[in-house]
Every structure is written in structure tokens, then in C-alpha cells.
Amino acid sequence: MELRHLRYFAALAEQLSFTVAAQKVHVTQSTLSHQIRQLEEELGCRLFEREGRRVTTTDAGELFLERVRNALREVDEGVSTVRYAAEEMTGVVRIGATHTFNLHIIPRCVSLFLDRHPSVRVDVLEMTGDGIAQALLRGDLDIGVTYKPNDALPLRFEPLYTEEMMLAVGLRHPFAKRRFVRVSELHLQRMVLLPRSFSTRVLLDESFRMANAAPVVVAEMNAIAPMIELVRETDIATIVSTHALRREDVKLIPLESPTPVRSPGLLWRRDEARTPAARSFASIVRSVSDSESRDTRRNKVRAARR
């Protein structure tokens, strides 16, 4: 199977006419027909039904088409990257990030990016996951760095890694010296949580349900920083990502049975070419996130040994 087979297949699947598709890919109709037969023979299934001049895609063809479009888009973007590699990037790259990423990971990414591409301006907006999704759909952002929104169907979500959510308590909280806490032990515990409109809150509510726990939610806040301040000052607890906390006056404790887990990632518009600057920034996010994830795993192992 060669790249031309995929381009010919995509053209025919989109045009549903051998004549029009052949013109689009600049080959004769007989050449196109021959190449499609070769592809079907290699795959061992029919991709198109032919009834006279009428052409339709089979179920297998429809499934294959989605993958082929993604593959061709990646190839075309790779070619563009190579062409732009020798040129200095300019313009603006617009990033939307949730608080957890904007607090620690995004500043590192921006620093590395500006070292490589000093002629590109980076605009970063701190937003909710759903806000990022809507801004991407409007074309107001190039990349989202967030947790998967409740409805990401019109967008493409690329997971970066998997992280555990942990209990955060003040140093005087009864759980402060615990090595771990079962979710069932949070029953009737006073807590501050994100509102139910957040996907993270949906995840936590499901964890409570699985453990038959009903914490007393005394407050809801749509930002992590004030939640942490409230936890520090009181006996109220919360649940946050390990990346959301970099301080000594609040204790993070692993949760078990179940352990709430979520996957942060990159959010893109589907079927739209990405600028070289956006692709470069995304590559840095992947690298920095991978490093952060490894550090978190090492710290967890050290903590378990103490």
C-alpha cells in the first residue's frame, strides 16, 4: 500500500465519481480504477459498490475513510513542517489552558517555545475546559490544554498522560498524617468542590457514588486557588490534581477504592490544518507533560517508601 492509493481512495470516497475523482488527482479514469482495485485486493474487502456509473462506499469503506483522512492530514502537516523548518516562524499562537496547567506547565512551555521561536507571540488565556472547547469551535484559539470536556465530539482530544486526583487538607486536619484515605471515609466530611458543570466534578461524584460516600459540600468554587486557601485555613477538604499544588502548608493524600483518575490532553479543531507555530507549541507541551508525569511517578514511589 502506497500513499497514492490512500489519496486516490479519499478522492473517490469524497466525489463518488470515477470521472471527477480522476480529474481531481490528475490521473486517467482507468488508472484510478486499477489503483482502487489494488487497494481492495490488499485489504481483502470491497471499499466501493459499483452499479453502472453509480458509486457508493461500503461500510468498510466508510470506516477506512475516517482513518485515511487523519493519516493524509498528518502527512500533509508533516510536509508543511519540513518546508517551514528552514524559515523563521512569525505571527501569534493562541493557547487556552485550565488553571492546573496554567499554574506550572504552561509557563515552562512558553519559555521553551520563545527560546526556539522568538519572533512568535504567545497569547495564553486561562479558561474552563468547556470554555476552551467553545473558543476552539469559534476559531478564537489554536490549541487547548485541558481535561476532556463533557462534550468533545466536534473536537479532537489527544490524551497526554493519566493522573490521579488526591485529597488536599490543611496541616491540622484529622487526615493530615494519613498515608492514604479511602473514598468511603469522605462520607459526611466537609468539602469544597468545583461546580457540577465541570467534568472533574462529574468524575468525583461518580467516585463518591461507587464508594457509597456522601460528603457534605459546604462550598463550590470555580477556581482552584481560593479552594486551596479555604482548605489551608479550615478543616474543610478538597480533591485536586497533584499538579495543582506547590506549597508546604497543604497536605496531599492519595485516595483509594476507587482512585479518581483523569487524563489531561491537547484539544484541537477537527479537519483543520494546524499552523507550524501551533504544532511546535504542542510538541513542547507533550515533552514537558511527559517529564512532569515521570517526576510525579518517582515522587509517589519515594513517598510510599518513607
C-alpha atoms as a PDB file:
ATOM      1  CA  MET A   1       0.000   0.000   0.000  1.00  0.00           C
ATOM      2  CA  GLU A   2       1.418   3.368  -1.015  1.00  0.00           C
ATOM      3  CA  LEU A   3       0.458   6.952  -0.260  1.00  0.00           C
ATOM      4  CA  ARG A   4      -1.069   7.398  -3.724  1.00  0.00           C
ATOM      5  CA  HIS A   5      -3.530   4.559  -3.018  1.00  0.00           C
ATOM      6  CA  LEU A   6      -4.814   6.492   0.000  1.00  0.00           C
ATOM      7  CA  ARG A   7      -5.104   9.752  -1.924  1.00  0.00           C
ATOM      8  CA  TYR A   8      -6.975   8.032  -4.767  1.00  0.00           C
ATOM      9  CA  PHE A   9      -9.291   6.290  -2.305  1.00  0.00           C
ATOM     10  CA  ALA A  10     -10.058   9.545  -0.434  1.00  0.00           C
ATOM     11  CA  ALA A  11     -10.759  11.375  -3.699  1.00  0.00           C
ATOM     12  CA  LEU A  12     -13.188   8.706  -4.904  1.00  0.00           C
ATOM     13  CA  ALA A  13     -14.891   8.449  -1.498  1.00  0.00           C
ATOM     14  CA  GLU A  14     -15.456  12.202  -1.489  1.00  0.00           C
ATOM     15  CA  GLN A  15     -16.555  12.559  -5.134  1.00  0.00           C
ATOM     16  CA  LEU A  16     -18.300   9.183  -5.636  1.00  0.00           C
ATOM     17  CA  SER A  17     -17.467   9.518  -9.313  1.00  0.00           C
ATOM     18  CA  PHE A  18     -14.516   7.910 -11.070  1.00  0.00           C
ATOM     19  CA  THR A  19     -14.516  10.672 -13.678  1.00  0.00           C
ATOM     20  CA  VAL A  20     -14.471  13.579 -11.213  1.00  0.00           C
ATOM     21  CA  ALA A  21     -12.080  11.848  -8.786  1.00  0.00           C
ATOM     22  CA  ALA A  22      -9.627  11.047 -11.580  1.00  0.00           C
ATOM     23  CA  GLN A  23      -9.603  14.698 -12.617  1.00  0.00           C
ATOM     24  CA  LYS A  24      -9.010  15.761  -9.017  1.00  0.00           C
ATOM     25  CA  VAL A  25      -5.912  13.547  -8.591  1.00  0.00           C
ATOM     26  CA  HIS A  26      -4.720  14.156 -12.186  1.00  0.00           C
ATOM     27  CA  VAL A  27      -4.783  10.569 -13.489  1.00  0.00           C
ATOM     28  CA  THR A  28      -6.862   8.761 -16.087  1.00  0.00           C
ATOM     29  CA  GLN A  29     -10.076   7.055 -15.057  1.00  0.00           C
ATOM     30  CA  SER A  30      -8.645   3.623 -15.909  1.00  0.00           C
ATOM     31  CA  THR A  31      -5.570   4.291 -13.731  1.00  0.00           C
ATOM     32  CA  LEU A  32      -7.763   5.320 -10.820  1.00  0.00           C
ATOM     33  CA  SER A  33      -9.948   2.219 -11.206  1.00  0.00           C
ATOM     34  CA  HIS A  34      -6.859  -0.009 -11.331  1.00  0.00           C
ATOM     35  CA  GLN A  35      -5.344   1.572  -8.204  1.00  0.00           C
ATOM     36  CA  ILE A  36      -8.600   1.208  -6.250  1.00  0.00           C
ATOM     37  CA  ARG A  37      -8.776  -2.496  -7.207  1.00  0.00           C
ATOM     38  CA  GLN A  38      -5.187  -2.952  -5.999  1.00  0.00           C
ATOM     39  CA  LEU A  39      -6.082  -1.349  -2.669  1.00  0.00           C
ATOM     40  CA  GLU A  40      -9.182  -3.511  -2.234  1.00  0.00           C
ATOM     41  CA  GLU A  41      -7.198  -6.656  -3.036  1.00  0.00           C
ATOM     42  CA  GLU A  42      -4.552  -5.744  -0.469  1.00  0.00           C
ATOM     43  CA  LEU A  43      -7.162  -5.028   2.203  1.00  0.00           C
ATOM     44  CA  GLY A  44      -9.199  -8.090   1.320  1.00  0.00           C
ATOM     45  CA  CYS A  45     -12.543  -6.289   1.184  1.00  0.00           C
ATOM     46  CA  ARG A  46     -14.613  -4.077  -1.082  1.00  0.00           C
ATOM     47  CA  LEU A  47     -14.439  -0.372  -0.353  1.00  0.00           C
ATOM     48  CA  PHE A  48     -16.946   0.684  -3.020  1.00  0.00           C
ATOM     49  CA  GLU A  49     -20.084  -0.682  -4.612  1.00  0.00           C
ATOM     50  CA  ARG A  50     -20.310  -0.040  -8.374  1.00  0.00           C
ATOM     51  CA  GLU A  51     -23.694  -0.099 -10.107  1.00  0.00           C
ATOM     52  CA  GLY A  52     -23.260   1.269 -13.596  1.00  0.00           C
ATOM     53  CA  ARG A  53     -21.984   4.796 -13.158  1.00  0.00           C
ATOM     54  CA  ARG A  54     -23.238   4.991  -9.595  1.00  0.00           C
ATOM     55  CA  VAL A  55     -20.574   4.592  -6.882  1.00  0.00           C
ATOM     56  CA  THR A  56     -21.194   4.240  -3.130  1.00  0.00           C
ATOM     57  CA  THR A  57     -18.884   3.447  -0.235  1.00  0.00           C
ATOM     58  CA  THR A  58     -19.358   0.191   1.635  1.00  0.00           C
ATOM     59  CA  ASP A  59     -19.450   0.033   5.445  1.00  0.00           C
ATOM     60  CA  ALA A  60     -15.778  -0.975   5.370  1.00  0.00           C
ATOM     61  CA  GLY A  61     -15.060   1.973   3.093  1.00  0.00           C
ATOM     62  CA  GLU A  62     -16.711   4.420   5.486  1.00  0.00           C
ATOM     63  CA  LEU A  63     -14.648   3.099   8.414  1.00  0.00           C
ATOM     64  CA  PHE A  64     -11.466   3.222   6.369  1.00  0.00           C
ATOM     65  CA  LEU A  65     -12.173   6.758   5.133  1.00  0.00           C
ATOM     66  CA  GLU A  66     -12.012   8.338   8.606  1.00  0.00           C
ATOM     67  CA  ARG A  67      -8.587   6.776   9.252  1.00  0.00           C
ATOM     68  CA  VAL A  68      -7.292   7.696   5.815  1.00  0.00           C
ATOM     69  CA  ARG A  69      -8.321  11.337   6.214  1.00  0.00           C
ATOM     70  CA  ASN A  70      -6.449  11.525   9.541  1.00  0.00           C
ATOM     71  CA  ALA A  71      -3.376   9.868   8.012  1.00  0.00           C
ATOM     72  CA  LEU A  72      -3.323  12.181   4.991  1.00  0.00           C
ATOM     73  CA  ARG A  73      -3.757  15.229   7.203  1.00  0.00           C
ATOM     74  CA  GLU A  74      -0.777  14.173   9.336  1.00  0.00           C
ATOM     75  CA  VAL A  75       1.338  13.604   6.230  1.00  0.00           C
ATOM     76  CA  ASP A  76       0.396  16.986   4.753  1.00  0.00           C
ATOM     77  CA  GLU A  77       1.141  18.741   8.043  1.00  0.00           C
ATOM     78  CA  GLY A  78       4.476  16.939   8.219  1.00  0.00           C
ATOM     79  CA  VAL A  79       5.381  18.188   4.751  1.00  0.00           C
ATOM     80  CA  SER A  80       4.426  21.719   5.784  1.00  0.00           C
ATOM     81  CA  THR A  81       6.567  21.431   8.909  1.00  0.00           C
ATOM     82  CA  VAL A  82       9.606  20.453   6.863  1.00  0.00           C
ATOM     83  CA  ARG A  83       9.027  23.320   4.443  1.00  0.00           C
ATOM     84  CA  TYR A  84       8.729  25.842   7.254  1.00  0.00           C
ATOM     85  CA  ALA A  85      11.634  24.398   9.278  1.00  0.00           C
ATOM     86  CA  ALA A  86      14.240  26.469   7.470  1.00  0.00           C
ATOM     87  CA  GLU A  87      12.191  29.654   7.845  1.00  0.00           C
ATOM     88  CA  GLU A  88      11.786  31.773  10.941  1.00  0.00           C
ATOM     89  CA  MET A  89       8.287  31.459  12.385  1.00  0.00           C
ATOM     90  CA  THR A  90       6.275  34.617  12.913  1.00  0.00           C
ATOM     91  CA  GLY A  91       2.751  35.506  13.986  1.00  0.00           C
ATOM     92  CA  VAL A  92       0.764  34.542  17.063  1.00  0.00           C
ATOM     93  CA  VAL A  93      -0.123  31.211  18.655  1.00  0.00           C
ATOM     94  CA  ARG A  94      -3.234  31.322  20.861  1.00  0.00           C
ATOM     95  CA  ILE A  95      -3.410  28.888  23.779  1.00  0.00           C
ATOM     96  CA  GLY A  96      -6.320  28.169  26.115  1.00  0.00           C
ATOM     97  CA  ALA A  97      -5.377  26.382  29.356  1.00  0.00           C
ATOM     98  CA  THR A  98      -7.145  25.400  32.551  1.00  0.00           C
ATOM     99  CA  HIS A  99      -5.771  26.654  35.869  1.00  0.00           C
ATOM    100  CA  THR A 100      -3.948  23.412  36.693  1.00  0.00           C
ATOM    101  CA  PHE A 101      -1.810  23.671  33.557  1.00  0.00           C
ATOM    102  CA  ASN A 102      -1.502  27.447  33.577  1.00  0.00           C
ATOM    103  CA  LEU A 103      -0.077  27.355  37.089  1.00  0.00           C
ATOM    104  CA  HIS A 104       3.019  25.307  36.336  1.00  0.00           C
ATOM    105  CA  ILE A 105       3.287  23.521  32.988  1.00  0.00           C
ATOM    106  CA  ILE A 106       2.293  26.295  30.568  1.00  0.00           C
ATOM    107  CA  PRO A 107       4.899  28.834  31.822  1.00  0.00           C
ATOM    108  CA  ARG A 108       7.641  26.256  31.187  1.00  0.00           C
ATOM    109  CA  CYS A 109       6.247  25.546  27.721  1.00  0.00           C
ATOM    110  CA  VAL A 110       6.069  29.237  26.843  1.00  0.00           C
ATOM    111  CA  SER A 111       9.661  29.761  27.994  1.00  0.00           C
ATOM    112  CA  LEU A 112      10.954  26.885  25.859  1.00  0.00           C
ATOM    113  CA  PHE A 113       8.862  27.964  22.877  1.00  0.00           C
ATOM    114  CA  LEU A 114      10.077  31.578  22.955  1.00  0.00           C
ATOM    115  CA  ASP A 115      13.691  30.392  23.158  1.00  0.00           C
ATOM    116  CA  ARG A 116      13.151  28.493  19.905  1.00  0.00           C
ATOM    117  CA  HIS A 117      10.858  30.967  18.158  1.00  0.00           C
ATOM    118  CA  PRO A 118      11.491  34.495  19.482  1.00  0.00           C
ATOM    119  CA  SER A 119       9.558  36.081  16.596  1.00  0.00           C
ATOM    120  CA  VAL A 120       6.259  34.397  17.570  1.00  0.00           C
ATOM    121  CA  ARG A 121       3.979  35.965  20.175  1.00  0.00           C
ATOM    122  CA  VAL A 122       2.236  33.590  22.577  1.00  0.00           C
ATOM    123  CA  ASP A 123      -1.215  34.513  23.889  1.00  0.00           C
ATOM    124  CA  VAL A 124      -2.371  32.372  26.835  1.00  0.00           C
ATOM    125  CA  LEU A 125      -5.875  32.546  28.297  1.00  0.00           C
ATOM    126  CA  GLU A 126      -6.866  30.718  31.476  1.00  0.00           C
ATOM    127  CA  MET A 127     -10.322  29.208  30.923  1.00  0.00           C
ATOM    128  CA  THR A 128     -12.552  26.303  31.913  1.00  0.00           C
ATOM    129  CA  GLY A 129     -12.445  23.145  29.807  1.00  0.00           C
ATOM    130  CA  ASP A 130     -15.848  23.853  28.272  1.00  0.00           C
ATOM    131  CA  GLY A 131     -14.836  27.465  27.659  1.00  0.00           C
ATOM    132  CA  ILE A 132     -11.740  26.280  25.790  1.00  0.00           C
ATOM    133  CA  ALA A 133     -13.847  23.938  23.663  1.00  0.00           C
ATOM    134  CA  GLN A 134     -16.248  26.717  22.686  1.00  0.00           C
ATOM    135  CA  ALA A 135     -13.368  29.119  21.892  1.00  0.00           C
ATOM    136  CA  LEU A 136     -11.758  26.496  19.650  1.00  0.00           C
ATOM    137  CA  LEU A 137     -15.003  25.967  17.770  1.00  0.00           C
ATOM    138  CA  ARG A 138     -15.320  29.738  17.248  1.00  0.00           C
ATOM    139  CA  GLY A 139     -11.753  29.866  15.923  1.00  0.00           C
ATOM    140  CA  ASP A 140     -10.559  32.059  18.814  1.00  0.00           C
ATOM    141  CA  LEU A 141      -7.846  29.582  19.900  1.00  0.00           C
ATOM    142  CA  ASP A 142      -5.257  27.427  18.136  1.00  0.00           C
ATOM    143  CA  ILE A 143      -4.775  24.834  20.908  1.00  0.00           C
ATOM    144  CA  GLY A 144      -6.487  23.867  24.132  1.00  0.00           C
ATOM    145  CA  VAL A 145      -4.587  22.332  27.050  1.00  0.00           C
ATOM    146  CA  THR A 146      -7.207  20.903  29.337  1.00  0.00           C
ATOM    147  CA  TYR A 147      -9.093  17.879  30.585  1.00  0.00           C
ATOM    148  CA  LYS A 148     -11.561  16.289  28.221  1.00  0.00           C
ATOM    149  CA  PRO A 149     -14.732  18.414  28.159  1.00  0.00           C
ATOM    150  CA  ASN A 150     -18.127  16.839  28.746  1.00  0.00           C
ATOM    151  CA  ASP A 151     -18.916  17.197  25.035  1.00  0.00           C
ATOM    152  CA  ALA A 152     -15.778  16.996  22.877  1.00  0.00           C
ATOM    153  CA  LEU A 153     -17.411  15.371  19.838  1.00  0.00           C
ATOM    154  CA  PRO A 154     -16.822  18.290  17.441  1.00  0.00           C
ATOM    155  CA  LEU A 155     -13.169  18.429  18.560  1.00  0.00           C
ATOM    156  CA  ARG A 156     -10.216  16.081  18.656  1.00  0.00           C
ATOM    157  CA  PHE A 157      -8.842  15.246  22.137  1.00  0.00           C
ATOM    158  CA  GLU A 158      -5.257  13.968  22.348  1.00  0.00           C
ATOM    159  CA  PRO A 159      -4.504  12.476  25.812  1.00  0.00           C
ATOM    160  CA  LEU A 160      -1.100  13.367  27.261  1.00  0.00           C
ATOM    161  CA  TYR A 161      -0.941  11.145  30.354  1.00  0.00           C
ATOM    162  CA  THR A 162      -3.057   9.818  33.191  1.00  0.00           C
ATOM    163  CA  GLU A 163      -3.038  11.449  36.613  1.00  0.00           C
ATOM    164  CA  GLU A 164      -4.561  10.615  39.967  1.00  0.00           C
ATOM    165  CA  MET A 165      -6.701  13.050  41.924  1.00  0.00           C
ATOM    166  CA  MET A 166      -5.662  13.450  45.569  1.00  0.00           C
ATOM    167  CA  LEU A 167      -7.244  14.657  48.784  1.00  0.00           C
ATOM    168  CA  ALA A 168      -5.981  18.077  49.906  1.00  0.00           C
ATOM    169  CA  VAL A 169      -6.246  19.016  53.594  1.00  0.00           C
ATOM    170  CA  GLY A 170      -4.771  21.590  55.962  1.00  0.00           C
ATOM    171  CA  LEU A 171      -1.977  20.573  58.325  1.00  0.00           C
ATOM    172  CA  ARG A 172      -4.383  20.451  61.309  1.00  0.00           C
ATOM    173  CA  HIS A 173      -6.965  18.280  59.550  1.00  0.00           C
ATOM    174  CA  PRO A 174      -7.592  14.823  61.142  1.00  0.00           C
ATOM    175  CA  PHE A 175      -6.456  13.163  57.897  1.00  0.00           C
ATOM    176  CA  ALA A 176      -3.245  15.230  57.611  1.00  0.00           C
ATOM    177  CA  LYS A 177      -0.943  12.442  58.817  1.00  0.00           C
ATOM    178  CA  ARG A 178      -2.613   9.637  56.881  1.00  0.00           C
ATOM    179  CA  ARG A 179      -0.683   7.837  54.117  1.00  0.00           C
ATOM    180  CA  PHE A 180      -3.897   7.252  52.144  1.00  0.00           C
ATOM    181  CA  VAL A 181      -7.650   7.740  52.527  1.00  0.00           C
ATOM    182  CA  ARG A 182     -10.428   5.570  51.161  1.00  0.00           C
ATOM    183  CA  VAL A 183     -13.140   7.469  49.329  1.00  0.00           C
ATOM    184  CA  SER A 184     -15.745   5.866  51.602  1.00  0.00           C
ATOM    185  CA  GLU A 185     -14.107   7.720  54.532  1.00  0.00           C
ATOM    186  CA  LEU A 186     -15.151  11.015  52.956  1.00  0.00           C
ATOM    187  CA  HIS A 187     -18.776  10.271  53.869  1.00  0.00           C
ATOM    188  CA  LEU A 188     -20.157  13.329  55.730  1.00  0.00           C
ATOM    189  CA  GLN A 189     -16.751  15.070  55.517  1.00  0.00           C
ATOM    190  CA  ARG A 190     -16.942  18.830  54.916  1.00  0.00           C
ATOM    191  CA  MET A 191     -15.606  19.592  51.460  1.00  0.00           C
ATOM    192  CA  VAL A 192     -15.235  22.360  48.893  1.00  0.00           C
ATOM    193  CA  LEU A 193     -15.511  21.194  45.280  1.00  0.00           C
ATOM    194  CA  LEU A 194     -15.765  22.516  41.751  1.00  0.00           C
ATOM    195  CA  PRO A 195     -19.327  23.149  40.480  1.00  0.00           C
ATOM    196  CA  ARG A 196     -21.193  20.314  38.745  1.00  0.00           C
ATOM    197  CA  SER A 197     -20.683  21.981  35.369  1.00  0.00           C
ATOM    198  CA  PHE A 198     -17.019  20.871  35.477  1.00  0.00           C
ATOM    199  CA  SER A 199     -16.095  17.458  34.056  1.00  0.00           C
ATOM    200  CA  THR A 200     -13.802  16.894  37.061  1.00  0.00           C
ATOM    201  CA  ARG A 201     -16.778  17.282  39.418  1.00  0.00           C
ATOM    202  CA  VAL A 202     -18.708  14.697  37.377  1.00  0.00           C
ATOM    203  CA  LEU A 203     -15.761  12.315  37.832  1.00  0.00           C
ATOM    204  CA  LEU A 204     -15.614  12.917  41.598  1.00  0.00           C
ATOM    205  CA  ASP A 205     -19.368  12.496  42.062  1.00  0.00           C
ATOM    206  CA  GLU A 206     -19.121   9.137  40.291  1.00  0.00           C
ATOM    207  CA  SER A 207     -16.282   8.100  42.636  1.00  0.00           C
ATOM    208  CA  PHE A 208     -18.409   9.072  45.666  1.00  0.00           C
ATOM    209  CA  ARG A 209     -21.314   7.076  44.284  1.00  0.00           C
ATOM    210  CA  MET A 210     -19.146   3.983  43.762  1.00  0.00           C
ATOM    211  CA  ALA A 211     -17.890   4.215  47.371  1.00  0.00           C
ATOM    212  CA  ASN A 212     -21.357   4.936  48.828  1.00  0.00           C
ATOM    213  CA  ALA A 213     -19.966   8.191  50.208  1.00  0.00           C
ATOM    214  CA  ALA A 214     -21.902  11.434  50.546  1.00  0.00           C
ATOM    215  CA  PRO A 215     -19.583  14.256  51.596  1.00  0.00           C
ATOM    216  CA  VAL A 216     -21.074  17.493  52.862  1.00  0.00           C
ATOM    217  CA  VAL A 217     -20.274  20.036  50.149  1.00  0.00           C
ATOM    218  CA  VAL A 218     -20.215  23.269  52.152  1.00  0.00           C
ATOM    219  CA  ALA A 219     -18.909  25.358  49.250  1.00  0.00           C
ATOM    220  CA  GLU A 220     -18.436  25.272  45.485  1.00  0.00           C
ATOM    221  CA  MET A 221     -15.782  27.369  43.739  1.00  0.00           C
ATOM    222  CA  ASN A 222     -14.871  27.566  40.074  1.00  0.00           C
ATOM    223  CA  ALA A 223     -11.147  28.201  40.706  1.00  0.00           C
ATOM    224  CA  ILE A 224      -8.531  26.065  42.451  1.00  0.00           C
ATOM    225  CA  ALA A 225      -6.554  28.831  44.216  1.00  0.00           C
ATOM    226  CA  PRO A 226      -9.367  30.002  46.562  1.00  0.00           C
ATOM    227  CA  MET A 227     -10.310  26.371  47.237  1.00  0.00           C
ATOM    228  CA  ILE A 228      -6.762  25.684  48.438  1.00  0.00           C
ATOM    229  CA  GLU A 229      -6.773  28.822  50.618  1.00  0.00           C
ATOM    230  CA  LEU A 230     -10.030  27.700  52.235  1.00  0.00           C
ATOM    231  CA  VAL A 231      -8.560  24.247  52.876  1.00  0.00           C
ATOM    232  CA  ARG A 232      -5.447  25.790  54.453  1.00  0.00           C
ATOM    233  CA  GLU A 233      -7.460  27.951  56.841  1.00  0.00           C
ATOM    234  CA  THR A 234     -10.102  25.396  57.930  1.00  0.00           C
ATOM    235  CA  ASP A 235     -10.879  21.715  58.474  1.00  0.00           C
ATOM    236  CA  ILE A 236     -12.555  21.611  55.049  1.00  0.00           C
ATOM    237  CA  ALA A 237     -11.012  19.250  52.473  1.00  0.00           C
ATOM    238  CA  THR A 238     -10.959  19.180  48.690  1.00  0.00           C
ATOM    239  CA  ILE A 239      -9.735  16.949  45.854  1.00  0.00           C
ATOM    240  CA  VAL A 240      -7.256  18.262  43.299  1.00  0.00           C
ATOM    241  CA  SER A 241      -4.615  17.201  40.816  1.00  0.00           C
ATOM    242  CA  THR A 242      -1.057  16.809  42.091  1.00  0.00           C
ATOM    243  CA  HIS A 243      -0.028  19.461  39.559  1.00  0.00           C
ATOM    244  CA  ALA A 244      -2.408  21.995  41.090  1.00  0.00           C
ATOM    245  CA  LEU A 245      -0.492  22.259  44.355  1.00  0.00           C
ATOM    246  CA  ARG A 246       3.050  23.501  45.014  1.00  0.00           C
ATOM    247  CA  ARG A 247       3.088  24.509  48.690  1.00  0.00           C
ATOM    248  CA  GLU A 248       4.064  23.128  52.090  1.00  0.00           C
ATOM    249  CA  ASP A 249       1.072  24.286  54.157  1.00  0.00           C
ATOM    250  CA  VAL A 250      -1.429  21.922  52.499  1.00  0.00           C
ATOM    251  CA  LYS A 251      -1.072  18.138  52.531  1.00  0.00           C
ATOM    252  CA  LEU A 252      -1.862  15.924  49.530  1.00  0.00           C
ATOM    253  CA  ILE A 253      -3.019  12.389  50.356  1.00  0.00           C
ATOM    254  CA  PRO A 254      -3.632   9.551  47.849  1.00  0.00           C
ATOM    255  CA  LEU A 255      -7.225   8.334  47.513  1.00  0.00           C
ATOM    256  CA  GLU A 256      -8.163   4.670  47.166  1.00  0.00           C
ATOM    257  CA  SER A 257     -11.196   2.484  46.478  1.00  0.00           C
ATOM    258  CA  PRO A 258     -11.652   3.981  43.945  1.00  0.00           C
ATOM    259  CA  THR A 259      -8.801   6.249  42.925  1.00  0.00           C
ATOM    260  CA  PRO A 260     -10.206   9.129  40.832  1.00  0.00           C
ATOM    261  CA  VAL A 261      -8.200   9.272  37.600  1.00  0.00           C
ATOM    262  CA  ARG A 262      -8.393  11.730  34.717  1.00  0.00           C
ATOM    263  CA  SER A 263      -6.459  12.340  31.507  1.00  0.00           C
ATOM    264  CA  PRO A 264      -5.294  15.822  30.575  1.00  0.00           C
ATOM    265  CA  GLY A 265      -4.574  16.458  26.945  1.00  0.00           C
ATOM    266  CA  LEU A 266      -4.491  18.683  23.888  1.00  0.00           C
ATOM    267  CA  LEU A 267      -7.736  19.816  22.317  1.00  0.00           C
ATOM    268  CA  TRP A 268      -7.835  20.597  18.587  1.00  0.00           C
ATOM    269  CA  ARG A 269     -10.355  21.536  15.964  1.00  0.00           C
ATOM    270  CA  ARG A 270     -11.060  18.561  13.698  1.00  0.00           C
ATOM    271  CA  ASP A 271     -10.241  18.561   9.992  1.00  0.00           C
ATOM    272  CA  GLU A 272      -8.310  21.820  10.136  1.00  0.00           C
ATOM    273  CA  ALA A 273      -4.652  22.371   9.275  1.00  0.00           C
ATOM    274  CA  ARG A 274      -2.520  23.487  12.202  1.00  0.00           C
ATOM    275  CA  THR A 275      -0.021  26.294  11.893  1.00  0.00           C
ATOM    276  CA  PRO A 276       3.689  25.471  12.285  1.00  0.00           C
ATOM    277  CA  ALA A 277       3.725  27.537  15.497  1.00  0.00           C
ATOM    278  CA  ALA A 278       0.780  25.590  16.939  1.00  0.00           C
ATOM    279  CA  ARG A 279       2.410  22.259  16.082  1.00  0.00           C
ATOM    280  CA  SER A 280       5.697  23.356  17.636  1.00  0.00           C
ATOM    281  CA  PHE A 281       3.991  24.513  20.834  1.00  0.00           C
ATOM    282  CA  ALA A 282       2.037  21.238  21.045  1.00  0.00           C
ATOM    283  CA  SER A 283       5.285  19.272  20.707  1.00  0.00           C
ATOM    284  CA  ILE A 284       6.742  21.187  23.666  1.00  0.00           C
ATOM    285  CA  VAL A 285       3.602  20.575  25.735  1.00  0.00           C
ATOM    286  CA  ARG A 286       3.930  16.835  25.063  1.00  0.00           C
ATOM    287  CA  SER A 287       7.589  16.834  26.122  1.00  0.00           C
ATOM    288  CA  VAL A 288       7.062  18.899  29.290  1.00  0.00           C
ATOM    289  CA  SER A 289       3.974  16.904  30.286  1.00  0.00           C
ATOM    290  CA  ASP A 290       5.852  13.647  29.837  1.00  0.00           C
ATOM    291  CA  SER A 291       8.640  14.950  32.086  1.00  0.00           C
ATOM    292  CA  GLU A 292       6.134  16.100  34.722  1.00  0.00           C
ATOM    293  CA  SER A 293       4.392  12.732  34.641  1.00  0.00           C
ATOM    294  CA  ARG A 294       7.675  10.865  35.190  1.00  0.00           C
ATOM    295  CA  ASP A 295       8.588  13.164  38.089  1.00  0.00           C
ATOM    296  CA  THR A 296       5.179  12.609  39.682  1.00  0.00           C
ATOM    297  CA  ARG A 297       5.580   8.823  39.477  1.00  0.00           C
ATOM    298  CA  ARG A 298       9.063   8.996  41.020  1.00  0.00           C
ATOM    299  CA  ASN A 299       7.844  11.225  43.866  1.00  0.00           C
ATOM    300  CA  LYS A 300       4.963   8.859  44.562  1.00  0.00           C
ATOM    301  CA  VAL A 301       7.359   5.901  44.816  1.00  0.00           C
ATOM    302  CA  ARG A 302       9.653   7.828  47.190  1.00  0.00           C
ATOM    303  CA  ALA A 303       6.696   8.855  49.347  1.00  0.00           C
ATOM    304  CA  ALA A 304       5.488   5.243  49.574  1.00  0.00           C
ATOM    305  CA  ARG A 305       8.915   4.125  50.770  1.00  0.00           C
ATOM    306  CA  ARG A 306       9.090   6.702  53.584  1.00  0.00           C
END
